[in-house]
Amino acid sequence: MGSNIDLIFKIAGVGILVAAAHWVLKSAGKEDYAFITTLGGVAIVLMWVIYQLGNLFEQVKSVFRLF
């Protein structure tokens, strides 16, 4: 349970950092870099979520002894 709360805080931290970087880069006229920064942040968070979903499916398989 503690790791899930940590994951939520990690996602929130990445969101805040990406939003700040996006704002700074966009105000500096670097819209392309701002978009790439946002896309990178989404990719990082998506990898974390996919990893957690994999763990969830492994736990469900072990509980119901599917394989």
PDB file of N, CA and C in Angstrom:
ATOM      1  N   MET A   1       0.815  -1.190   0.000  1.00  0.00           N
ATOM      2  CA  MET A   1       0.000   0.000   0.000  1.00  0.00           C
ATOM      3  C   MET A   1       0.865   1.262   0.000  1.00  0.00           C
ATOM      4  N   GLY A   2       1.978   1.232   0.690  1.00  0.00           N
ATOM      5  CA  GLY A   2       2.846   2.403   0.735  1.00  0.00           C
ATOM      6  C   GLY A   2       3.443   2.748  -0.608  1.00  0.00           C
ATOM      7  N   SER A   3       3.736   1.734  -1.412  1.00  0.00           N
ATOM      8  CA  SER A   3       4.329   2.012  -2.716  1.00  0.00           C
ATOM      9  C   SER A   3       3.330   2.671  -3.652  1.00  0.00           C
ATOM     10  N   ASN A   4       2.038   2.390  -3.467  1.00  0.00           N
ATOM     11  CA  ASN A   4       1.032   3.034  -4.305  1.00  0.00           C
ATOM     12  C   ASN A   4       0.945   4.522  -4.011  1.00  0.00           C
ATOM     13  N   ILE A   5       1.062   4.883  -2.742  1.00  0.00           N
ATOM     14  CA  ILE A   5       1.041   6.300  -2.382  1.00  0.00           C
ATOM     15  C   ILE A   5       2.307   6.974  -2.901  1.00  0.00           C
ATOM     16  N   ASP A   6       3.434   6.279  -2.820  1.00  0.00           N
ATOM     17  CA  ASP A   6       4.673   6.821  -3.372  1.00  0.00           C
ATOM     18  C   ASP A   6       4.546   7.045  -4.870  1.00  0.00           C
ATOM     19  N   LEU A   7       3.903   6.119  -5.547  1.00  0.00           N
ATOM     20  CA  LEU A   7       3.709   6.254  -6.994  1.00  0.00           C
ATOM     21  C   LEU A   7       2.857   7.475  -7.314  1.00  0.00           C
ATOM     22  N   ILE A   8       1.835   7.712  -6.516  1.00  0.00           N
ATOM     23  CA  ILE A   8       0.981   8.886  -6.739  1.00  0.00           C
ATOM     24  C   ILE A   8       1.789  10.167  -6.556  1.00  0.00           C
ATOM     25  N   PHE A   9       2.633  10.201  -5.528  1.00  0.00           N
ATOM     26  CA  PHE A   9       3.465  11.383  -5.312  1.00  0.00           C
ATOM     27  C   PHE A   9       4.505  11.546  -6.424  1.00  0.00           C
ATOM     28  N   LYS A  10       5.052  10.445  -6.917  1.00  0.00           N
ATOM     29  CA  LYS A  10       5.995  10.523  -8.038  1.00  0.00           C
ATOM     30  C   LYS A  10       5.317  11.095  -9.275  1.00  0.00           C
ATOM     31  N   ILE A  11       4.120  10.606  -9.563  1.00  0.00           N
ATOM     32  CA  ILE A  11       3.387  11.092 -10.742  1.00  0.00           C
ATOM     33  C   ILE A  11       3.069  12.574 -10.587  1.00  0.00           C
ATOM     34  N   ALA A  12       2.646  12.977  -9.396  1.00  0.00           N
ATOM     35  CA  ALA A  12       2.359  14.392  -9.157  1.00  0.00           C
ATOM     36  C   ALA A  12       3.623  15.244  -9.307  1.00  0.00           C
ATOM     37  N   GLY A  13       4.747  14.735  -8.802  1.00  0.00           N
ATOM     38  CA  GLY A  13       6.007  15.467  -8.935  1.00  0.00           C
ATOM     39  C   GLY A  13       6.432  15.623 -10.375  1.00  0.00           C
ATOM     40  N   VAL A  14       6.313  14.553 -11.141  1.00  0.00           N
ATOM     41  CA  VAL A  14       6.663  14.636 -12.560  1.00  0.00           C
ATOM     42  C   VAL A  14       5.722  15.607 -13.276  1.00  0.00           C
ATOM     43  N   GLY A  15       4.452  15.566 -12.915  1.00  0.00           N
ATOM     44  CA  GLY A  15       3.495  16.487 -13.521  1.00  0.00           C
ATOM     45  C   GLY A  15       3.834  17.939 -13.244  1.00  0.00           C
ATOM     46  N   ILE A  16       4.207  18.235 -12.005  1.00  0.00           N
ATOM     47  CA  ILE A  16       4.564  19.613 -11.653  1.00  0.00           C
ATOM     48  C   ILE A  16       5.832  20.052 -12.380  1.00  0.00           C
ATOM     49  N   LEU A  17       6.840  19.181 -12.397  1.00  0.00           N
ATOM     50  CA  LEU A  17       8.092  19.528 -13.083  1.00  0.00           C
ATOM     51  C   LEU A  17       7.890  19.714 -14.580  1.00  0.00           C
ATOM     52  N   VAL A  18       7.116  18.829 -15.187  1.00  0.00           N
ATOM     53  CA  VAL A  18       6.874  18.932 -16.630  1.00  0.00           C
ATOM     54  C   VAL A  18       6.066  20.187 -16.945  1.00  0.00           C
ATOM     55  N   ALA A  19       5.087  20.498 -16.104  1.00  0.00           N
ATOM     56  CA  ALA A  19       4.288  21.710 -16.332  1.00  0.00           C
ATOM     57  C   ALA A  19       5.155  22.964 -16.230  1.00  0.00           C
ATOM     58  N   ALA A  20       6.047  22.991 -15.246  1.00  0.00           N
ATOM     59  CA  ALA A  20       6.928  24.154 -15.098  1.00  0.00           C
ATOM     60  C   ALA A  20       7.894  24.263 -16.279  1.00  0.00           C
ATOM     61  N   ALA A  21       8.467  23.131 -16.678  1.00  0.00           N
ATOM     62  CA  ALA A  21       9.386  23.150 -17.821  1.00  0.00           C
ATOM     63  C   ALA A  21       8.658  23.550 -19.096  1.00  0.00           C
ATOM     64  N   HIS A  22       7.438  23.056 -19.260  1.00  0.00           N
ATOM     65  CA  HIS A  22       6.653  23.407 -20.449  1.00  0.00           C
ATOM     66  C   HIS A  22       6.375  24.910 -20.485  1.00  0.00           C
ATOM     67  N   TRP A  23       5.999  25.461 -19.334  1.00  0.00           N
ATOM     68  CA  TRP A  23       5.695  26.884 -19.271  1.00  0.00           C
ATOM     69  C   TRP A  23       6.932  27.731 -19.584  1.00  0.00           C
ATOM     70  N   VAL A  24       8.084  27.342 -19.000  1.00  0.00           N
ATOM     71  CA  VAL A  24       9.319  28.099 -19.228  1.00  0.00           C
ATOM     72  C   VAL A  24       9.738  28.016 -20.693  1.00  0.00           C
ATOM     73  N   LEU A  25       9.696  26.821 -21.252  1.00  0.00           N
ATOM     74  CA  LEU A  25      10.125  26.666 -22.639  1.00  0.00           C
ATOM     75  C   LEU A  25       9.169  27.363 -23.606  1.00  0.00           C
ATOM     76  N   LYS A  26       7.880  27.296 -23.324  1.00  0.00           N
ATOM     77  CA  LYS A  26       6.919  27.941 -24.219  1.00  0.00           C
ATOM     78  C   LYS A  26       7.045  29.457 -24.157  1.00  0.00           C
ATOM     79  N   SER A  27       7.296  30.010 -22.970  1.00  0.00           N
ATOM     80  CA  SER A  27       7.453  31.458 -22.862  1.00  0.00           C
ATOM     81  C   SER A  27       8.766  31.919 -23.488  1.00  0.00           C
ATOM     82  N   ALA A  28       9.734  31.009 -23.608  1.00  0.00           N
ATOM     83  CA  ALA A  28      11.003  31.352 -24.254  1.00  0.00           C
ATOM     84  C   ALA A  28      10.934  31.179 -25.769  1.00  0.00           C
ATOM     85  N   GLY A  29       9.779  30.739 -26.267  1.00  0.00           N
ATOM     86  CA  GLY A  29       9.626  30.579 -27.710  1.00  0.00           C
ATOM     87  C   GLY A  29      10.091  29.230 -28.224  1.00  0.00           C
ATOM     88  N   LYS A  30      10.285  28.272 -27.364  1.00  0.00           N
ATOM     89  CA  LYS A  30      10.753  26.929 -27.750  1.00  0.00           C
ATOM     90  C   LYS A  30       9.591  25.936 -27.646  1.00  0.00           C
ATOM     91  N   GLU A  31       8.570  26.140 -28.477  1.00  0.00           N
ATOM     92  CA  GLU A  31       7.376  25.297 -28.399  1.00  0.00           C
ATOM     93  C   GLU A  31       7.679  23.838 -28.707  1.00  0.00           C
ATOM     94  N   ASP A  32       8.610  23.602 -29.622  1.00  0.00           N
ATOM     95  CA  ASP A  32       8.955  22.219 -29.971  1.00  0.00           C
ATOM     96  C   ASP A  32       9.569  21.487 -28.774  1.00  0.00           C
ATOM     97  N   TYR A  33      10.478  22.144 -28.077  1.00  0.00           N
ATOM     98  CA  TYR A  33      11.093  21.525 -26.903  1.00  0.00           C
ATOM     99  C   TYR A  33      10.076  21.351 -25.769  1.00  0.00           C
ATOM    100  N   ALA A  34       9.148  22.297 -25.670  1.00  0.00           N
ATOM    101  CA  ALA A  34       8.099  22.179 -24.650  1.00  0.00           C
ATOM    102  C   ALA A  34       7.242  20.948 -24.917  1.00  0.00           C
ATOM    103  N   PHE A  35       6.901  20.717 -26.186  1.00  0.00           N
ATOM    104  CA  PHE A  35       6.101  19.542 -26.536  1.00  0.00           C
ATOM    105  C   PHE A  35       6.873  18.255 -26.260  1.00  0.00           C
ATOM    106  N   ILE A  36       8.157  18.229 -26.593  1.00  0.00           N
ATOM    107  CA  ILE A  36       8.973  17.033 -26.363  1.00  0.00           C
ATOM    108  C   ILE A  36       9.109  16.770 -24.865  1.00  0.00           C
ATOM    109  N   THR A  37       9.245  17.820 -24.072  1.00  0.00           N
ATOM    110  CA  THR A  37       9.322  17.664 -22.616  1.00  0.00           C
ATOM    111  C   THR A  37       8.032  17.063 -22.073  1.00  0.00           C
ATOM    112  N   THR A  38       6.908  17.567 -22.546  1.00  0.00           N
ATOM    113  CA  THR A  38       5.615  17.039 -22.100  1.00  0.00           C
ATOM    114  C   THR A  38       5.457  15.589 -22.521  1.00  0.00           C
ATOM    115  N   LEU A  39       5.834  15.288 -23.732  1.00  0.00           N
ATOM    116  CA  LEU A  39       5.736  13.923 -24.235  1.00  0.00           C
ATOM    117  C   LEU A  39       6.634  12.980 -23.439  1.00  0.00           C
ATOM    118  N   GLY A  40       7.821  13.431 -23.070  1.00  0.00           N
ATOM    119  CA  GLY A  40       8.721  12.624 -22.249  1.00  0.00           C
ATOM    120  C   GLY A  40       8.146  12.360 -20.861  1.00  0.00           C
ATOM    121  N   GLY A  41       7.536  13.371 -20.265  1.00  0.00           N
ATOM    122  CA  GLY A  41       6.908  13.189 -18.960  1.00  0.00           C
ATOM    123  C   GLY A  41       5.767  12.198 -19.010  1.00  0.00           C
ATOM    124  N   VAL A  42       4.956  12.279 -20.055  1.00  0.00           N
ATOM    125  CA  VAL A  42       3.853  11.322 -20.214  1.00  0.00           C
ATOM    126  C   VAL A  42       4.393   9.916 -20.414  1.00  0.00           C
ATOM    127  N   ALA A  43       5.466   9.775 -21.162  1.00  0.00           N
ATOM    128  CA  ALA A  43       6.053   8.448 -21.406  1.00  0.00           C
ATOM    129  C   ALA A  43       6.591   7.839 -20.112  1.00  0.00           C
ATOM    130  N   ILE A  44       7.242   8.647 -19.293  1.00  0.00           N
ATOM    131  CA  ILE A  44       7.779   8.148 -18.017  1.00  0.00           C
ATOM    132  C   ILE A  44       6.655   7.664 -17.114  1.00  0.00           C
ATOM    133  N   VAL A  45       5.608   8.470 -16.988  1.00  0.00           N
ATOM    134  CA  VAL A  45       4.484   8.091 -16.130  1.00  0.00           C
ATOM    135  C   VAL A  45       3.780   6.866 -16.691  1.00  0.00           C
ATOM    136  N   LEU A  46       3.650   6.780 -17.998  1.00  0.00           N
ATOM    137  CA  LEU A  46       3.009   5.621 -18.616  1.00  0.00           C
ATOM    138  C   LEU A  46       3.802   4.341 -18.351  1.00  0.00           C
ATOM    139  N   MET A  47       5.125   4.424 -18.377  1.00  0.00           N
ATOM    140  CA  MET A  47       5.942   3.249 -18.068  1.00  0.00           C
ATOM    141  C   MET A  47       5.732   2.806 -16.627  1.00  0.00           C
ATOM    142  N   TRP A  48       5.648   3.744 -15.684  1.00  0.00           N
ATOM    143  CA  TRP A  48       5.393   3.397 -14.284  1.00  0.00           C
ATOM    144  C   TRP A  48       4.043   2.714 -14.126  1.00  0.00           C
ATOM    145  N   VAL A  49       3.031   3.251 -14.804  1.00  0.00           N
ATOM    146  CA  VAL A  49       1.681   2.690 -14.681  1.00  0.00           C
ATOM    147  C   VAL A  49       1.625   1.298 -15.303  1.00  0.00           C
ATOM    148  N   ILE A  50       2.262   1.100 -16.439  1.00  0.00           N
ATOM    149  CA  ILE A  50       2.275  -0.219 -17.074  1.00  0.00           C
ATOM    150  C   ILE A  50       2.988  -1.225 -16.192  1.00  0.00           C
ATOM    151  N   TYR A  51       4.069  -0.822 -15.553  1.00  0.00           N
ATOM    152  CA  TYR A  51       4.774  -1.714 -14.635  1.00  0.00           C
ATOM    153  C   TYR A  51       3.868  -2.131 -13.480  1.00  0.00           C
ATOM    154  N   GLN A  52       3.128  -1.171 -12.920  1.00  0.00           N
ATOM    155  CA  GLN A  52       2.225  -1.482 -11.815  1.00  0.00           C
ATOM    156  C   GLN A  52       1.078  -2.381 -12.278  1.00  0.00           C
ATOM    157  N   LEU A  53       0.589  -2.191 -13.499  1.00  0.00           N
ATOM    158  CA  LEU A  53      -0.453  -3.073 -14.022  1.00  0.00           C
ATOM    159  C   LEU A  53       0.074  -4.489 -14.193  1.00  0.00           C
ATOM    160  N   GLY A  54       1.317  -4.618 -14.615  1.00  0.00           N
ATOM    161  CA  GLY A  54       1.929  -5.939 -14.719  1.00  0.00           C
ATOM    162  C   GLY A  54       2.000  -6.632 -13.370  1.00  0.00           C
ATOM    163  N   ASN A  55       2.372  -5.879 -12.339  1.00  0.00           N
ATOM    164  CA  ASN A  55       2.394  -6.443 -10.983  1.00  0.00           C
ATOM    165  C   ASN A  55       0.998  -6.856 -10.534  1.00  0.00           C
ATOM    166  N   LEU A  56       0.012  -6.043 -10.859  1.00  0.00           N
ATOM    167  CA  LEU A  56      -1.364  -6.377 -10.491  1.00  0.00           C
ATOM    168  C   LEU A  56      -1.811  -7.682 -11.153  1.00  0.00           C
ATOM    169  N   PHE A  57      -1.523  -7.835 -12.438  1.00  0.00           N
ATOM    170  CA  PHE A  57      -1.917  -9.059 -13.138  1.00  0.00           C
ATOM    171  C   PHE A  57      -1.186 -10.278 -12.587  1.00  0.00           C
ATOM    172  N   GLU A  58       0.085 -10.114 -12.196  1.00  0.00           N
ATOM    173  CA  GLU A  58       0.813 -11.226 -11.589  1.00  0.00           C
ATOM    174  C   GLU A  58       0.185 -11.617 -10.248  1.00  0.00           C
ATOM    175  N   GLN A  59      -0.227 -10.649  -9.474  1.00  0.00           N
ATOM    176  CA  GLN A  59      -0.869 -10.951  -8.193  1.00  0.00           C
ATOM    177  C   GLN A  59      -2.216 -11.637  -8.399  1.00  0.00           C
ATOM    178  N   VAL A  60      -2.978 -11.191  -9.395  1.00  0.00           N
ATOM    179  CA  VAL A  60      -4.269 -11.832  -9.671  1.00  0.00           C
ATOM    180  C   VAL A  60      -4.047 -13.276 -10.119  1.00  0.00           C
ATOM    181  N   LYS A  61      -3.040 -13.493 -10.961  1.00  0.00           N
ATOM    182  CA  LYS A  61      -2.745 -14.864 -11.400  1.00  0.00           C
ATOM    183  C   LYS A  61      -2.345 -15.738 -10.229  1.00  0.00           C
ATOM    184  N   SER A  62      -1.564 -15.198  -9.305  1.00  0.00           N
ATOM    185  CA  SER A  62      -1.142 -16.019  -8.175  1.00  0.00           C
ATOM    186  C   SER A  62      -2.291 -16.286  -7.202  1.00  0.00           C
ATOM    187  N   VAL A  63      -3.185 -15.349  -7.047  1.00  0.00           N
ATOM    188  CA  VAL A  63      -4.312 -15.532  -6.136  1.00  0.00           C
ATOM    189  C   VAL A  63      -5.256 -16.596  -6.669  1.00  0.00           C
ATOM    190  N   PHE A  64      -5.559 -16.539  -7.958  1.00  0.00           N
ATOM    191  CA  PHE A  64      -6.497 -17.487  -8.541  1.00  0.00           C
ATOM    192  C   PHE A  64      -5.814 -18.722  -9.138  1.00  0.00           C
ATOM    193  N   ARG A  65      -4.480 -18.788  -9.005  1.00  0.00           N
ATOM    194  CA  ARG A  65      -3.685 -19.922  -9.511  1.00  0.00           C
ATOM    195  C   ARG A  65      -4.016 -20.210 -10.969  1.00  0.00           C
ATOM    196  N   LEU A  66      -3.921 -19.196 -11.798  1.00  0.00           N
ATOM    197  CA  LEU A  66      -4.272 -19.364 -13.208  1.00  0.00           C
ATOM    198  C   LEU A  66      -3.198 -20.095 -13.977  1.00  0.00           C
ATOM    199  N   PHE A  67      -1.929 -19.862 -13.649  1.00  0.00           N
ATOM    200  CA  PHE A  67      -0.844 -20.543 -14.362  1.00  0.00           C
ATOM    201  C   PHE A  67       0.151 -21.100 -13.386  1.00  0.00           C
TER     202      PHE A  67
END
